[in-house]
Structure formats: structure tokens, C-alpha cells
């Protein structure tokens, strides 16, 4: 090793995907590591050319070997610089720490082949960018998971054979591009749009009891069934029946309470966020598109504030549970803290349980205001959702009472047509609702609306 190499002290190269992540990790690892970014895919399947597509079809049918992988735009110069910097710095071991998913595994596989001349290549994965998590990952460096690589390769083939061709069709109609998943989804959207265009509104009538008296209202809908598929008893498509009930109510004079019931209920908190549930919550609460939410979540992840944001797992590490329980006890006091931690498990059979749910990173859960000052308002809004959902997932059940009342003109000849029902909820103990309420900006204002 040269004098320059000894002076630098670098013996290991750690390759990640983004420059922001590389800068954060370099601060944690210091001068003994050379941390660099490959900026995503370094090699990929061809995207253009009739012969290339023909070869891919044949490869998919098993008639020919898989098509050759070519450098992506600008990747060849990145690889050359990685090799040059590594040799100058005395690197004798390469660690590939691309994202812990199928695409990241595929990138790691290609990097291992391209950087093998520098020395042994090991795969490193971590779900959060904290000093503790990175140190633990380095201790457990292993080999590339070829099963995930093959899954990613199939996805890339599907992109080229189906997604890219479908994207050209979409762009011809000024629509967004689509990939392997969006192809069948587009079909569902088109079918549904045709149903909407062919729909003829059907009127139905409702009789409402208000403080000012009885009202007969006409509405339009295409579905008279409730969420369980049963015909709704409060709607009728027969105007004569509606008018008869309305007349009976007007003639009834006074109404009496015919039935009342009160029953207790408990509501359990939902699991921590996965990618899908985070996007759904952000869309509902913030009215943001998925691309915007994922971009902000990526920034939070690369800055070391949340765990990896592409996951279908709802599990939390022991470190995360301990941090959440400690903060719950401090912020909400003992009545809101269960005697035992809550454990969640994904229902999906193919969920990657090695990952964690999306949560605040590290053994210290940073305050929301701290994120706002460091990164900005939009990043803080996404972090706030994750913070609240994580806290709520480890808190006590909400408890309350569900009340139901029935009012009618009992004794009249048309009594069965003149009965009204109303219900409501009372929260006796808010539990996890103190931290997180579905679809509400202010939990304190939405407690009474929860079941």
C-alpha cells in the first residue's frame, strides 16, 4: 500500500444508491470507509430496437439465453470513477448497500460483477440510516440473494415486453406512462369508466325527521345496498310508498320512543404504516399524489429520520417498540400504555417480514418540530403522519358506548312505515385516538366520530 493510501486509511468501499444517503453514511463511518453513490441502476435491459425486443420475447419463452445487460446512461463513467477512487484509496473490500428490496438486490448483483476486480464483494442491508443500524449491518454482511435478483429480472422483462409498449399507447392519448402493474390496472379503469358513462341515474326517496318536522327528499344513486350487500331499509325506489310514509308521519301528530339500546365497544389501533397505507393516509389527509409522498419519504429516509419506505411489513423491532413505549409514557402517561407491547404481523403471504414497517428511525424518536426545522414543512407533514401512526400502534384501545334510538307513531295503521332510527357514539376513554385518528387533522375534534 502506498504512503497516500496509508494516510487516507481507507480499506473498504461502501456503495449506496443516492448521493444524499452517501453523505449521511460517510459522516457515521468516518475515514476508514469510502462511501459512494451509484445513482440507481448501472446496467439494464435495452429499451429500444426491434431486435432487442425480439430477443427478450425469445428469452422469456426459454428459447434463448437471457439478453445482455447494457450500461444505463452515465453509469459507465460512474463505475470507472468508483474503481479509480477505490484503487487510489487502497480499497480491498467492497460492500454494496443498495436499497433492501428486489430492485436494490438486482443493482447489488450487477455492482458485484462490475466491481469484483477491487476485491471481495459483500451485500449489506439496513432499514434505517442510523449509526447503530449501519454498524449492525456491517457485522452481518453476506451474499446477494439470487432469488430476489431473479424476481427483479422477471420484473424488468415484464417492463420491456408489456409496460413499455403500453406506455407508448398511453402517451399517444396524453396519459401517464405505465408499467407491469399498471397494465391490468388500466384495463380495470377503462371498464369502470365505461360503466359510469353507460349509467342512467335511478331516483330513490327518503323520509327524514328533523327538528322542524318531516321532510321527503329525492336522491339519485346506482346502489341501494349497504356495505354488507343487503338492501338498505331507509331507501325506496317507489315514490308512492315514500309519499305514503311521509303522509303517515305528518298525520301522526306526536311521536314516541319505541326502542333504545346502549352497548359498549372497543376499538383497536391499526398497525404501523406500510407503503400502501402511508400513501392512502397521505392522500386522504394531505390530498397529495403518491409520487410526491414517496419523494418526501425518500428524503426523510436518506436523512436518517425514518426506516425504509418501500415495505409491506407491519412489524416493529424491539428497539422501536421500546422507544415508542417510553415516549407514550412520557407524553400521554400510564393509562395510555398497555402492560405488554402490541405485536403485528402482515396478512400477505409474500410479505417481506425481514423489513420493518415505516417508523421513525433509531432508538430516539425525533420530535416533529425538529424535522420541520431541519428539512422543511412538507417533510414534517409526512413525518408527522408516521410519528402519530407509530405511537398509536403501541397505545391502549379506545373505549366507548354505541347508542341506538327508534322513534315512531306506534298504534297507527301505518306504523311500520313511520319508524325512524338514529345512532351515535360516546368515547369514554380515547386510548390511541389521542395520538392518531383516521382521516382527521385534529384528533381532539374527531374523537366523537370514531366507532
Protein backbone atom coordinates (compact mmCIF):
# COMPACT_ATOMS: atom_id res chain seq x y z
CA UNK A 1 0.00 0.00 0.00
CA UNK A 2 1.34 3.44 -0.92
CA UNK A 3 2.02 6.29 1.51
CA UNK A 4 -1.09 8.08 0.17
CA UNK A 5 -3.21 5.01 0.80
CA UNK A 6 -1.90 4.62 4.35
CA UNK A 7 -2.51 8.31 5.00
CA UNK A 8 -6.12 8.07 3.83
CA UNK A 9 -6.70 4.96 5.94
CA UNK A 10 -9.47 3.74 3.60
CA UNK A 11 -9.73 -0.03 3.20
CA UNK A 12 -13.46 -0.55 2.43
CA UNK A 13 -15.74 0.85 -0.27
CA UNK A 14 -19.45 1.13 0.57
CA UNK A 15 -21.73 1.73 -2.41
CA UNK A 16 -25.26 3.10 -1.96
CA UNK A 17 -27.79 4.39 -4.48
CA UNK A 18 -28.12 8.12 -3.78
CA UNK A 19 -25.68 10.92 -3.08
CA UNK A 20 -27.67 12.20 -0.10
CA UNK A 21 -27.55 8.78 1.53
CA UNK A 22 -23.82 8.51 0.82
CA UNK A 23 -23.10 11.83 2.55
CA UNK A 24 -25.13 10.86 5.63
CA UNK A 25 -23.43 7.46 5.96
CA UNK A 26 -19.95 8.90 5.35
CA UNK A 27 -20.40 11.06 8.47
CA UNK A 28 -21.21 7.96 10.51
CA UNK A 29 -18.37 5.74 9.22
CA UNK A 30 -15.53 8.25 9.00
CA UNK A 31 -12.24 7.97 7.13
CA UNK A 32 -11.96 4.17 7.28
CA UNK A 33 -14.64 3.92 4.61
CA UNK A 34 -15.07 5.36 1.15
CA UNK A 35 -18.84 5.85 0.69
CA UNK A 36 -20.01 6.49 -2.86
CA UNK A 37 -23.29 6.51 -4.80
CA UNK A 38 -24.04 4.53 -7.96
CA UNK A 39 -27.21 6.60 -8.61
CA UNK A 40 -29.59 3.73 -9.23
CA UNK A 41 -29.38 1.09 -11.95
CA UNK A 42 -25.95 0.79 -13.51
CA UNK A 43 -26.94 -1.85 -16.09
CA UNK A 44 -30.30 -2.67 -17.58
CA UNK A 45 -32.09 -4.33 -20.49
CA UNK A 46 -32.26 -2.48 -23.80
CA UNK A 47 -35.24 -0.17 -24.14
CA UNK A 48 -35.25 0.38 -27.90
CA UNK A 49 -34.76 -1.65 -31.04
CA UNK A 50 -36.80 -4.36 -32.72
CA UNK A 51 -34.05 -6.97 -32.43
CA UNK A 52 -33.67 -6.34 -28.72
CA UNK A 53 -37.40 -6.83 -28.11
CA UNK A 54 -37.40 -9.98 -30.26
CA UNK A 55 -34.53 -11.41 -28.20
CA UNK A 56 -36.37 -10.65 -24.96
CA UNK A 57 -39.52 -12.42 -26.16
CA UNK A 58 -37.42 -15.45 -27.06
CA UNK A 59 -35.64 -15.35 -23.70
CA UNK A 60 -38.99 -15.16 -21.90
CA UNK A 61 -40.11 -18.30 -23.80
CA UNK A 62 -36.89 -20.11 -22.85
CA UNK A 63 -35.66 -20.38 -26.44
CA UNK A 64 -32.55 -18.23 -25.98
CA UNK A 65 -30.27 -17.18 -23.11
CA UNK A 66 -31.31 -14.01 -21.31
CA UNK A 67 -30.44 -10.84 -23.29
CA UNK A 68 -27.28 -8.99 -22.46
CA UNK A 69 -27.37 -6.16 -19.97
CA UNK A 70 -26.05 -2.78 -21.07
CA UNK A 71 -24.91 0.28 -19.15
CA UNK A 72 -27.56 2.84 -18.27
CA UNK A 73 -26.97 6.47 -19.21
CA UNK A 74 -23.91 7.84 -17.42
CA UNK A 75 -23.35 4.63 -15.43
CA UNK A 76 -20.16 3.56 -17.22
CA UNK A 77 -18.35 6.73 -16.13
CA UNK A 78 -19.64 6.26 -12.56
CA UNK A 79 -18.22 2.73 -12.46
CA UNK A 80 -14.87 3.89 -13.85
CA UNK A 81 -14.66 6.63 -11.21
CA UNK A 82 -15.61 4.18 -8.43
CA UNK A 83 -12.79 1.86 -9.49
CA UNK A 84 -10.26 4.69 -9.88
CA UNK A 85 -11.11 6.27 -6.48
CA UNK A 86 -11.03 2.87 -4.79
CA UNK A 87 -7.60 1.98 -6.12
CA UNK A 88 -6.25 5.38 -5.19
CA UNK A 89 -7.61 4.99 -1.65
CA UNK A 90 -6.38 1.43 -1.14
CA UNK A 91 -9.76 -0.31 -1.10
CA UNK A 92 -9.52 -4.08 -0.71
CA UNK A 93 -13.14 -4.90 0.13
CA UNK A 94 -16.39 -3.75 -1.47
CA UNK A 95 -19.70 -3.54 0.41
CA UNK A 96 -22.87 -2.95 -1.62
CA UNK A 97 -25.63 -1.30 0.44
CA UNK A 98 -28.31 -0.60 -2.15
CA UNK A 99 -31.96 -0.48 -1.07
CA UNK A 100 -33.30 -3.59 0.74
CA UNK A 101 -35.81 -4.63 -1.94
CA UNK A 102 -35.83 -6.61 -5.20
CA UNK A 103 -34.58 -3.72 -7.31
CA UNK A 104 -31.83 -2.97 -4.79
CA UNK A 105 -30.78 -6.62 -4.79
CA UNK A 106 -30.59 -6.59 -8.58
CA UNK A 107 -28.42 -3.43 -8.55
CA UNK A 108 -26.17 -5.06 -5.94
CA UNK A 109 -25.78 -8.12 -8.18
CA UNK A 110 -24.69 -6.02 -11.15
CA UNK A 111 -22.31 -3.95 -8.98
CA UNK A 112 -20.75 -7.11 -7.55
CA UNK A 113 -19.88 -8.19 -11.07
CA UNK A 114 -18.57 -4.80 -12.19
CA UNK A 115 -16.51 -4.08 -9.04
CA UNK A 116 -15.21 -7.60 -8.41
CA UNK A 117 -11.71 -6.63 -9.54
CA UNK A 118 -11.33 -4.48 -6.41
CA UNK A 119 -11.62 -7.42 -4.01
CA UNK A 120 -14.27 -9.38 -2.15
CA UNK A 121 -17.80 -8.02 -2.65
CA UNK A 122 -20.35 -8.36 0.18
CA UNK A 123 -24.03 -7.41 0.41
CA UNK A 124 -25.16 -5.11 3.25
CA UNK A 125 -28.78 -4.24 4.05
CA UNK A 126 -30.33 -1.92 6.62
CA UNK A 127 -33.83 -0.50 7.03
CA UNK A 128 -32.80 2.79 8.62
CA UNK A 129 -29.85 5.12 8.24
CA UNK A 130 -28.62 5.39 11.80
CA UNK A 131 -25.14 4.75 13.18
CA UNK A 132 -26.34 1.75 15.20
CA UNK A 133 -28.23 0.16 12.30
CA UNK A 134 -25.34 0.59 9.88
CA UNK A 135 -22.81 -0.83 12.33
CA UNK A 136 -25.02 -3.89 12.89
CA UNK A 137 -25.47 -4.35 9.13
CA UNK A 138 -21.72 -4.25 8.53
CA UNK A 139 -21.25 -7.03 11.07
CA UNK A 140 -23.76 -9.20 9.18
CA UNK A 141 -22.51 -8.56 5.63
CA UNK A 142 -23.33 -11.54 3.42
CA UNK A 143 -24.05 -12.55 -0.16
CA UNK A 144 -26.52 -11.29 -2.71
CA UNK A 145 -29.91 -13.03 -2.55
CA UNK A 146 -30.16 -14.59 -6.01
CA UNK A 147 -33.87 -15.32 -5.52
CA UNK A 148 -34.63 -11.60 -5.23
CA UNK A 149 -32.35 -10.93 -8.20
CA UNK A 150 -34.29 -13.35 -10.39
CA UNK A 151 -37.58 -11.80 -9.27
CA UNK A 152 -36.27 -8.37 -10.25
CA UNK A 153 -35.06 -9.70 -13.61
CA UNK A 154 -38.54 -11.01 -14.40
CA UNK A 155 -40.00 -7.64 -13.47
CA UNK A 156 -37.57 -5.89 -15.83
CA UNK A 157 -38.55 -8.26 -18.64
CA UNK A 158 -42.22 -7.55 -17.99
CA UNK A 159 -41.48 -3.83 -18.14
CA UNK A 160 -39.91 -4.19 -21.57
CA UNK A 161 -42.33 -6.70 -23.06
CA UNK A 162 -45.58 -5.19 -21.76
CA UNK A 163 -45.13 -1.99 -19.78
CA UNK A 164 -43.05 -0.05 -22.31
CA UNK A 165 -45.35 -0.92 -25.21
CA UNK A 166 -48.41 0.01 -23.18
CA UNK A 167 -46.74 3.29 -22.18
CA UNK A 168 -46.40 4.31 -25.82
CA UNK A 169 -50.14 3.73 -26.25
CA UNK A 170 -50.91 5.79 -23.12
CA UNK A 171 -48.70 8.67 -24.23
CA UNK A 172 -50.50 8.76 -27.59
CA UNK A 173 -53.62 9.64 -25.59
CA UNK A 174 -51.77 12.14 -23.36
CA UNK A 175 -51.87 9.73 -20.42
CA UNK A 176 -49.11 8.88 -17.96
CA UNK A 177 -46.72 6.00 -18.57
CA UNK A 178 -47.48 2.58 -17.19
CA UNK A 179 -45.51 -0.48 -16.13
CA UNK A 180 -46.08 -4.16 -15.43
CA UNK A 181 -48.60 -3.48 -12.66
CA UNK A 182 -50.38 -0.58 -14.31
CA UNK A 183 -51.16 -2.62 -17.45
CA UNK A 184 -54.06 -4.66 -15.97
CA UNK A 185 -54.97 -1.72 -13.73
CA UNK A 186 -55.57 0.43 -16.80
CA UNK A 187 -57.97 -2.23 -18.05
CA UNK A 188 -59.97 -2.05 -14.82
CA UNK A 189 -60.10 1.74 -15.02
CA UNK A 190 -61.33 1.64 -18.63
CA UNK A 191 -64.02 -0.92 -17.79
CA UNK A 192 -65.21 1.15 -14.84
CA UNK A 193 -65.23 4.34 -16.90
CA UNK A 194 -67.43 2.66 -19.50
CA UNK A 195 -69.85 1.59 -16.76
CA UNK A 196 -70.01 5.17 -15.50
CA UNK A 197 -70.70 6.52 -18.97
CA UNK A 198 -73.47 3.96 -19.51
CA UNK A 199 -75.10 4.59 -16.13
CA UNK A 200 -78.60 6.02 -16.02
CA UNK A 201 -79.31 7.64 -12.61
CA UNK A 202 -82.12 5.95 -10.70
CA UNK A 203 -84.12 8.05 -8.22
CA UNK A 204 -84.94 6.92 -4.70
CA UNK A 205 -86.82 8.61 -1.89
CA UNK A 206 -86.02 9.12 1.77
CA UNK A 207 -88.18 10.41 4.60
CA UNK A 208 -86.20 12.44 7.15
CA UNK A 209 -87.20 13.54 10.63
CA UNK A 210 -85.68 16.92 11.57
CA UNK A 211 -86.18 19.46 14.34
CA UNK A 212 -88.55 21.35 12.04
CA UNK A 213 -90.69 18.36 11.11
CA UNK A 214 -90.79 15.66 8.45
CA UNK A 215 -89.12 16.04 5.04
CA UNK A 216 -89.45 13.99 1.84
CA UNK A 217 -86.23 14.02 -0.19
CA UNK A 218 -85.41 12.57 -3.59
CA UNK A 219 -81.86 11.38 -4.30
CA UNK A 220 -80.06 9.67 -7.19
CA UNK A 221 -77.78 6.69 -6.85
CA UNK A 222 -76.78 3.43 -8.55
CA UNK A 223 -76.65 1.28 -5.42
CA UNK A 224 -79.31 0.76 -2.79
CA UNK A 225 -77.27 -1.75 -0.82
CA UNK A 226 -75.22 -1.27 2.31
CA UNK A 227 -71.59 -2.32 2.88
CA UNK A 228 -72.73 -5.93 3.60
CA UNK A 229 -74.67 -6.22 0.34
CA UNK A 230 -78.11 -6.03 1.96
CA UNK A 231 -80.86 -3.79 0.63
CA UNK A 232 -80.99 -0.56 2.62
CA UNK A 233 -84.23 -0.27 4.59
CA UNK A 234 -84.12 3.54 4.61
CA UNK A 235 -84.39 3.84 0.82
CA UNK A 236 -87.22 3.08 -1.57
CA UNK A 237 -87.48 3.34 -5.33
CA UNK A 238 -91.26 3.54 -5.14
CA UNK A 239 -92.47 7.13 -4.91
CA UNK A 240 -95.94 6.00 -3.77
CA UNK A 241 -94.52 4.14 -0.76
CA UNK A 242 -92.37 7.16 0.13
CA UNK A 243 -95.32 9.54 -0.12
CA UNK A 244 -97.47 7.16 1.95
CA UNK A 245 -94.87 7.06 4.72
CA UNK A 246 -94.48 10.81 4.56
CA UNK A 247 -98.25 11.32 4.86
CA UNK A 248 -98.45 8.87 7.77
CA UNK A 249 -95.75 10.75 9.63
CA UNK A 250 -97.39 14.11 9.08
CA UNK A 251 -100.71 12.77 10.34
CA UNK A 252 -99.16 11.03 13.33
CA UNK A 253 -99.01 14.17 15.41
CA UNK A 254 -96.76 13.16 18.29
CA UNK A 255 -94.01 10.55 18.12
CA UNK A 256 -92.89 8.21 20.86
CA UNK A 257 -89.63 6.44 21.65
CA UNK A 258 -90.14 2.78 20.70
CA UNK A 259 -86.71 1.33 21.43
CA UNK A 260 -83.35 2.34 22.87
CA UNK A 261 -80.11 0.42 23.31
CA UNK A 262 -76.64 1.11 24.62
CA UNK A 263 -73.68 -1.21 24.18
CA UNK A 264 -70.03 -0.79 24.92
CA UNK A 265 -67.32 -1.12 22.27
CA UNK A 266 -63.55 -1.16 21.97
CA UNK A 267 -61.51 -0.01 19.00
CA UNK A 268 -58.00 -1.32 18.45
CA UNK A 269 -55.28 0.79 16.85
CA UNK A 270 -54.21 -0.02 13.32
CA UNK A 271 -50.72 -1.39 12.57
CA UNK A 272 -47.83 0.93 11.70
CA UNK A 273 -47.61 2.16 8.12
CA UNK A 274 -46.67 0.08 5.10
CA UNK A 275 -46.06 1.79 1.76
CA UNK A 276 -49.68 1.34 0.67
CA UNK A 277 -51.25 2.55 3.91
CA UNK A 278 -48.92 5.56 4.10
CA UNK A 279 -49.87 6.62 0.57
CA UNK A 280 -53.56 6.15 1.35
CA UNK A 281 -53.34 8.19 4.57
CA UNK A 282 -51.35 10.99 2.92
CA UNK A 283 -53.82 11.10 0.05
CA UNK A 284 -56.74 11.36 2.45
CA UNK A 285 -55.20 13.77 4.95
CA UNK A 286 -52.96 15.87 2.73
CA UNK A 287 -54.50 15.36 -0.75
CA UNK A 288 -51.03 14.58 -2.12
CA UNK A 289 -50.19 12.32 -5.04
CA UNK A 290 -48.20 9.13 -4.32
CA UNK A 291 -45.14 10.38 -6.24
CA UNK A 292 -44.91 13.46 -4.01
CA UNK A 293 -45.33 11.44 -0.80
CA UNK A 294 -42.67 8.91 -1.82
CA UNK A 295 -40.24 11.66 -2.80
CA UNK A 296 -40.60 13.28 0.63
CA UNK A 297 -40.38 9.90 2.39
CA UNK A 298 -37.19 9.17 0.43
CA UNK A 299 -35.69 12.41 1.71
CA UNK A 300 -36.66 11.53 5.28
CA UNK A 301 -35.11 8.08 4.89
CA UNK A 302 -31.87 9.35 3.38
CA UNK A 303 -31.54 11.92 6.15
CA UNK A 304 -31.83 9.12 8.72
CA UNK A 305 -35.25 10.08 10.14
CA UNK A 306 -37.45 7.13 9.08
CA UNK A 307 -36.96 3.49 8.15
CA UNK A 308 -37.06 2.26 4.55
CA UNK A 309 -40.28 3.47 2.96
CA UNK A 310 -40.90 0.64 0.47
CA UNK A 311 -42.22 -2.19 2.60
CA UNK A 312 -45.26 -4.40 3.05
CA UNK A 313 -44.34 -5.40 6.61
CA UNK A 314 -46.13 -4.13 9.73
CA UNK A 315 -43.61 -5.46 12.25
CA UNK A 316 -41.56 -3.25 14.56
CA UNK A 317 -38.14 -4.03 16.01
CA UNK A 318 -37.65 -4.37 19.74
CA UNK A 319 -35.70 -1.10 19.70
CA UNK A 320 -38.60 0.71 18.00
CA UNK A 321 -41.19 -0.69 20.41
CA UNK A 322 -39.10 0.29 23.43
CA UNK A 323 -38.65 3.84 22.09
CA UNK A 324 -42.37 4.21 21.34
CA UNK A 325 -43.46 2.90 24.75
CA UNK A 326 -41.03 5.22 26.52
CA UNK A 327 -42.37 8.24 24.63
CA UNK A 328 -46.01 7.21 25.20
CA UNK A 329 -45.41 7.04 28.94
CA UNK A 330 -43.76 10.46 28.88
CA UNK A 331 -46.26 12.22 26.60
CA UNK A 332 -49.57 10.50 27.46
CA UNK A 333 -48.98 8.95 30.93
CA UNK A 334 -49.51 5.39 32.17
CA UNK A 335 -53.25 4.89 31.37
CA UNK A 336 -52.43 5.05 27.66
CA UNK A 337 -49.62 2.47 27.80
CA UNK A 338 -50.55 -1.25 27.54
CA UNK A 339 -48.96 -3.63 30.00
CA UNK A 340 -47.41 -5.54 27.09
CA UNK A 341 -46.15 -4.34 23.69
CA UNK A 342 -48.51 -4.77 20.75
CA UNK A 343 -47.23 -7.13 18.06
CA UNK A 344 -48.40 -7.02 14.45
CA UNK A 345 -47.98 -9.46 11.59
CA UNK A 346 -48.61 -8.94 7.90
CA UNK A 347 -51.58 -10.80 6.41
CA UNK A 348 -49.99 -11.01 2.96
CA UNK A 349 -48.39 -14.42 2.38
CA UNK A 350 -45.47 -12.94 0.41
CA UNK A 351 -44.77 -10.02 2.77
CA UNK A 352 -41.06 -9.38 3.33
CA UNK A 353 -41.00 -9.72 7.11
CA UNK A 354 -37.25 -9.05 7.17
CA UNK A 355 -38.22 -5.43 6.64
CA UNK A 356 -39.92 -3.25 9.20
CA UNK A 357 -42.96 -1.06 9.00
CA UNK A 358 -42.35 2.61 8.22
CA UNK A 359 -41.48 4.29 11.51
CA UNK A 360 -39.23 6.99 12.98
CA UNK A 361 -35.65 5.73 12.81
CA UNK A 362 -33.30 4.99 15.69
CA UNK A 363 -33.75 4.45 19.41
CA UNK A 364 -34.75 8.09 19.88
CA UNK A 365 -37.94 9.28 18.20
CA UNK A 366 -37.25 12.79 16.97
CA UNK A 367 -39.90 15.47 17.66
CA UNK A 368 -41.94 16.66 14.67
CA UNK A 369 -40.75 20.24 15.14
CA UNK A 370 -37.14 19.09 14.86
CA UNK A 371 -37.83 17.62 11.41
CA UNK A 372 -39.62 20.79 10.35
CA UNK A 373 -36.57 22.90 11.22
CA UNK A 374 -34.07 20.52 9.59
CA UNK A 375 -35.87 19.61 6.35
CA UNK A 376 -38.98 21.70 5.81
CA UNK A 377 -42.74 21.89 6.18
CA UNK A 378 -43.71 19.19 3.65
CA UNK A 379 -41.24 16.64 5.00
CA UNK A 380 -42.53 17.37 8.52
CA UNK A 381 -46.12 16.65 7.44
CA UNK A 382 -45.18 13.19 6.18
CA UNK A 383 -43.06 12.55 9.27
CA UNK A 384 -45.97 13.65 11.49
CA UNK A 385 -48.23 11.01 9.94
CA UNK A 386 -45.59 8.33 10.52
CA UNK A 387 -44.89 9.56 14.05
CA UNK A 388 -48.56 9.53 15.07
CA UNK A 389 -49.34 6.16 13.49
CA UNK A 390 -46.32 4.57 15.18
CA UNK A 391 -47.29 5.99 18.57
CA UNK A 392 -50.93 4.96 18.19
CA UNK A 393 -49.97 1.39 17.24
CA UNK A 394 -48.48 0.88 20.73
CA UNK A 395 -51.23 2.57 22.77
CA UNK A 396 -54.33 1.32 24.57
CA UNK A 397 -57.65 0.55 22.88
CA UNK A 398 -60.27 3.28 22.70
CA UNK A 399 -63.42 2.51 24.70
CA UNK A 400 -66.88 3.94 24.39
CA UNK A 401 -70.62 3.36 24.07
CA UNK A 402 -72.69 2.92 20.93
CA UNK A 403 -76.29 4.18 21.30
CA UNK A 404 -79.32 3.48 19.10
CA UNK A 405 -82.80 5.06 19.25
CA UNK A 406 -86.01 4.27 17.37
CA UNK A 407 -88.90 6.73 17.16
CA UNK A 408 -92.32 6.15 15.56
CA UNK A 409 -96.08 6.61 15.64
CA UNK A 410 -96.84 3.32 17.39
CA UNK A 411 -100.51 2.28 17.18
CA UNK A 412 -101.22 3.93 13.85
CA UNK A 413 -102.35 1.89 10.83
CA UNK A 414 -99.13 2.65 9.00
CA UNK A 415 -96.77 2.17 11.95
CA UNK A 416 -94.28 0.05 10.02
CA UNK A 417 -93.81 2.93 7.58
CA UNK A 418 -93.39 5.54 10.25
CA UNK A 419 -90.33 4.44 12.24
CA UNK A 420 -87.07 6.37 12.40
CA UNK A 421 -83.74 5.15 13.70
CA UNK A 422 -80.72 7.15 14.80
CA UNK A 423 -77.44 6.27 16.47
CA UNK A 424 -74.32 7.81 17.92
CA UNK A 425 -71.14 7.09 19.82
CA UNK A 426 -69.68 8.38 23.05
CA UNK A 427 -65.96 7.98 23.75
CA UNK A 428 -65.30 7.13 27.40
CA UNK A 429 -61.55 6.60 27.06
CA UNK A 430 -59.81 7.78 23.85
CA UNK A 431 -56.78 5.50 24.11
CA UNK A 432 -54.77 5.56 20.86
CA UNK A 433 -57.13 8.20 19.41
CA UNK A 434 -55.24 10.77 21.46
CA UNK A 435 -52.35 10.30 19.02
CA UNK A 436 -53.93 9.35 15.70
CA UNK A 437 -57.43 9.50 14.23
CA UNK A 438 -58.12 8.16 10.73
CA UNK A 439 -58.82 10.98 8.29
CA UNK A 440 -58.71 13.78 10.88
CA UNK A 441 -56.36 16.74 11.10
CA UNK A 442 -57.19 17.42 14.76
CA UNK A 443 -57.71 14.28 16.88
CA UNK A 444 -59.43 16.20 19.68
CA UNK A 445 -62.22 17.27 17.30
CA UNK A 446 -62.75 13.82 15.78
CA UNK A 447 -62.92 11.57 18.85
CA UNK A 448 -66.71 11.54 19.00
CA UNK A 449 -66.95 10.43 15.37
CA UNK A 450 -65.00 7.20 15.89
CA UNK A 451 -66.61 3.80 16.32
